[in-house]
Amino acid sequence: MTVEEAQETLRSWQEQDLATRQRMVGARGVASREQLAGLTGLQQMQKLLEGEFPAAPISETMDFVLMHVEFGRAIFQGKPSAKLLNPLGTVHGGWYATLLDSAVGCAVHTAMPVGRAYTTLELKLNIVRSLSLKVPLVRAEGYTVHVGKQVATAEGRLMGHDGTLYAHASTTCLVFEVPPAK
């Protein structure tokens, strides 16, 4: 990727970030069971992205946002900042893990039919490069590998606007039936 292409990608990501954050300005919280009822996982994620459901509180705490969803795929974007630094002055590994867990988990979520949900059983993270405040934005893209009745797996990558790989991850999720509301 050329320097010009990387700069154009960064401008595009910044514009998309602003538009997405403006659309999702509503309340932070968790969608109610009534809101989620009768919707597939993809429909639920689309409503979140469109600002119809509240954004998860962790997205504000950790400064990342859902950027895109489609069946079997989810993209989150995050901004490294001083509040995320470890004592060595680089972004804490927990932030990588949170961003990638969100991407791979939500990729699985998009593949859930009505009445089914998941929970993470295992997250495997490989950090291959440190993140500093010189990196303006990163994207975590997750995609499903297998979605079955009881188990789902997904993989993801954390990338910079210039194509630099910072980390990659895989997850195994337990798939289950959503218990009826009481």
Protein backbone atom coordinates (compact mmCIF):
# COMPACT_ATOMS: atom_id res chain seq x y z
CA MET A 1 0.00 0.00 0.00
CA THR A 2 1.37 3.41 -0.92
CA VAL A 3 1.56 6.31 1.52
CA GLU A 4 -1.18 8.07 -0.46
CA GLU A 5 -3.46 5.01 -0.30
CA ALA A 6 -2.89 4.71 3.44
CA GLN A 7 -3.73 8.40 3.96
CA GLU A 8 -6.90 8.02 1.87
CA THR A 9 -7.89 4.96 3.91
CA LEU A 10 -7.32 6.89 7.14
CA ARG A 11 -9.49 9.80 5.90
CA SER A 12 -12.23 7.36 4.93
CA TRP A 13 -12.06 5.60 8.31
CA GLN A 14 -12.21 8.93 10.14
CA GLU A 15 -15.28 10.04 8.14
CA GLN A 16 -17.01 6.70 8.74
CA ASP A 17 -16.13 6.87 12.46
CA LEU A 18 -17.69 10.32 12.80
CA ALA A 19 -20.85 9.34 10.90
CA THR A 20 -21.27 6.14 12.89
CA ARG A 21 -20.75 7.85 16.26
CA GLN A 22 -23.29 10.56 15.32
CA ARG A 23 -25.85 7.92 14.32
CA MET A 24 -25.30 5.99 17.55
CA VAL A 25 -25.46 8.98 19.90
CA GLY A 26 -28.40 7.54 21.84
CA ALA A 27 -28.31 6.02 25.27
CA ARG A 28 -25.74 3.49 26.38
CA GLY A 29 -27.05 0.27 27.82
CA VAL A 30 -28.41 -3.11 26.89
CA ALA A 31 -31.35 -3.87 24.61
CA SER A 32 -34.31 -5.41 26.42
CA ARG A 33 -35.46 -8.98 25.82
CA GLU A 34 -38.64 -7.52 24.32
CA GLN A 35 -36.61 -5.52 21.80
CA LEU A 36 -34.57 -8.57 20.83
CA ALA A 37 -37.47 -11.03 20.62
CA GLY A 38 -38.32 -12.32 17.16
CA LEU A 39 -35.13 -10.95 15.55
CA THR A 40 -32.19 -12.83 14.11
CA GLY A 41 -28.75 -11.97 15.40
CA LEU A 42 -28.03 -10.05 12.20
CA GLN A 43 -31.22 -8.00 12.60
CA GLN A 44 -30.28 -7.22 16.21
CA MET A 45 -26.79 -6.09 15.18
CA GLN A 46 -28.20 -3.97 12.34
CA LYS A 47 -30.54 -2.19 14.77
CA LEU A 48 -27.58 -1.51 17.06
CA LEU A 49 -25.57 -0.11 14.15
CA GLU A 50 -28.50 2.06 13.06
CA GLY A 51 -28.84 3.52 16.57
CA GLU A 52 -32.22 1.87 17.25
CA PHE A 53 -30.75 -0.13 20.14
CA PRO A 54 -28.52 1.41 22.82
CA ALA A 55 -24.77 1.15 22.32
CA ALA A 56 -22.93 -1.10 24.76
CA PRO A 57 -21.40 0.86 27.66
CA ILE A 58 -18.01 -0.76 27.08
CA SER A 59 -17.74 0.95 23.69
CA GLU A 60 -17.60 4.32 25.44
CA THR A 61 -15.25 3.10 28.18
CA MET A 62 -12.81 1.57 25.69
CA ASP A 63 -13.42 4.09 22.84
CA PHE A 64 -14.43 1.77 20.04
CA VAL A 65 -17.48 1.57 17.84
CA LEU A 66 -19.29 -0.96 15.67
CA MET A 67 -18.72 0.03 12.03
CA HIS A 68 -20.24 -2.72 9.88
CA VAL A 69 -22.17 -5.97 10.10
CA GLU A 70 -23.27 -8.56 7.60
CA PHE A 71 -24.02 -12.25 7.95
CA GLY A 72 -20.94 -13.88 9.48
CA ARG A 73 -18.89 -10.67 9.66
CA ALA A 74 -18.49 -7.71 12.04
CA ILE A 75 -16.09 -4.76 12.04
CA PHE A 76 -15.25 -2.55 15.01
CA GLN A 77 -13.02 0.51 14.96
CA GLY A 78 -11.04 1.84 17.89
CA LYS A 79 -8.89 4.82 18.82
CA PRO A 80 -5.74 4.16 20.83
CA SER A 81 -5.52 6.79 23.57
CA ALA A 82 -3.50 7.65 26.67
CA LYS A 83 -6.13 6.08 28.96
CA LEU A 84 -5.35 2.69 27.38
CA LEU A 85 -1.58 2.72 27.94
CA ASN A 86 0.29 0.24 30.09
CA PRO A 87 3.31 1.28 32.21
CA LEU A 88 5.59 0.77 29.19
CA GLY A 89 3.70 3.40 27.17
CA THR A 90 2.02 1.06 24.70
CA VAL A 91 -1.65 0.11 24.43
CA HIS A 92 -2.57 -2.56 26.98
CA GLY A 93 -3.13 -6.06 25.59
CA GLY A 94 -6.56 -6.16 27.20
CA TRP A 95 -7.72 -3.50 24.74
CA TYR A 96 -6.61 -5.65 21.79
CA ALA A 97 -8.48 -8.57 23.35
CA THR A 98 -11.65 -6.56 23.99
CA LEU A 99 -11.76 -5.18 20.45
CA LEU A 100 -11.11 -8.57 18.87
CA ASP A 101 -13.50 -10.39 21.23
CA SER A 102 -16.19 -7.91 20.16
CA ALA A 103 -15.47 -8.46 16.47
CA VAL A 104 -15.34 -12.26 16.52
CA GLY A 105 -18.23 -12.55 18.97
CA CYS A 106 -20.46 -10.24 16.99
CA ALA A 107 -19.56 -12.08 13.77
CA VAL A 108 -21.00 -15.18 15.46
CA HIS A 109 -23.96 -13.11 16.70
CA THR A 110 -24.86 -12.17 13.11
CA ALA A 111 -25.27 -15.87 12.30
CA MET A 112 -27.71 -16.61 15.16
CA PRO A 113 -31.25 -17.49 14.10
CA VAL A 114 -34.26 -16.26 16.07
CA GLY A 115 -34.26 -17.76 19.56
CA ARG A 116 -30.57 -18.68 19.62
CA ALA A 117 -27.68 -16.92 21.36
CA TYR A 118 -24.03 -17.60 22.19
CA THR A 119 -21.38 -17.02 24.80
CA THR A 120 -17.63 -17.05 24.43
CA LEU A 121 -15.99 -20.25 25.68
CA GLU A 122 -12.47 -19.45 24.57
CA LEU A 123 -10.61 -16.49 23.08
CA LYS A 124 -7.10 -16.99 21.72
CA LEU A 125 -5.17 -13.77 21.08
CA ASN A 126 -1.87 -13.29 19.30
CA ILE A 127 -0.38 -9.79 19.57
CA VAL A 128 2.19 -9.39 16.83
CA ARG A 129 3.00 -5.67 17.08
CA SER A 130 2.68 -3.02 19.77
CA LEU A 131 0.22 -0.16 19.41
CA SER A 132 1.26 3.36 20.35
CA LEU A 133 -0.48 6.71 20.24
CA LYS A 134 1.10 7.26 16.81
CA VAL A 135 -1.55 4.90 15.39
CA PRO A 136 -4.72 6.98 14.94
CA LEU A 137 -7.27 4.19 14.33
CA VAL A 138 -7.42 0.43 14.09
CA ARG A 139 -10.08 -1.95 12.86
CA ALA A 140 -10.95 -5.35 14.22
CA GLU A 141 -12.66 -7.52 11.65
CA GLY A 142 -14.21 -10.79 12.71
CA TYR A 143 -15.66 -13.49 10.50
CA THR A 144 -17.24 -16.86 11.21
CA VAL A 145 -15.49 -20.08 10.36
CA HIS A 146 -18.17 -22.52 11.57
CA VAL A 147 -21.64 -22.02 13.02
CA GLY A 148 -23.41 -25.12 14.27
CA LYS A 149 -26.27 -25.91 16.64
CA GLN A 150 -24.01 -26.04 19.71
CA VAL A 151 -20.64 -24.58 18.75
CA ALA A 152 -19.49 -21.67 16.61
CA THR A 153 -15.97 -20.53 15.77
CA ALA A 154 -14.68 -17.28 14.35
CA GLU A 155 -11.40 -15.57 13.57
CA GLY A 156 -10.38 -11.94 13.45
CA ARG A 157 -7.60 -9.48 12.75
CA LEU A 158 -6.72 -6.10 14.22
CA MET A 159 -5.31 -3.90 11.46
CA GLY A 160 -4.11 -0.35 10.99
CA HIS A 161 -5.22 1.95 8.17
CA ASP A 162 -1.95 1.21 6.36
CA GLY A 163 -2.53 -2.56 6.40
CA THR A 164 -0.30 -3.24 9.43
CA LEU A 165 -1.36 -6.32 11.38
CA TYR A 166 -1.31 -5.70 15.15
CA ALA A 167 -3.04 -8.86 16.40
CA HIS A 168 -5.18 -11.79 15.38
CA ALA A 169 -7.56 -13.94 17.36
CA SER A 170 -9.85 -16.93 17.27
CA THR A 171 -12.84 -17.81 19.38
CA THR A 172 -14.95 -20.80 20.24
CA CYS A 173 -18.51 -20.02 21.30
CA LEU A 174 -21.23 -22.08 22.93
CA VAL A 175 -24.53 -21.73 21.03
CA PHE A 176 -27.75 -22.23 23.00
CA GLU A 177 -31.48 -21.62 22.96
CA VAL A 178 -32.61 -18.36 24.56
CA PRO A 179 -34.77 -19.23 27.57
CA PRO A 180 -38.29 -17.83 27.38
CA ALA A 181 -38.95 -14.53 29.15
CA LYS A 182 -40.54 -14.92 32.58
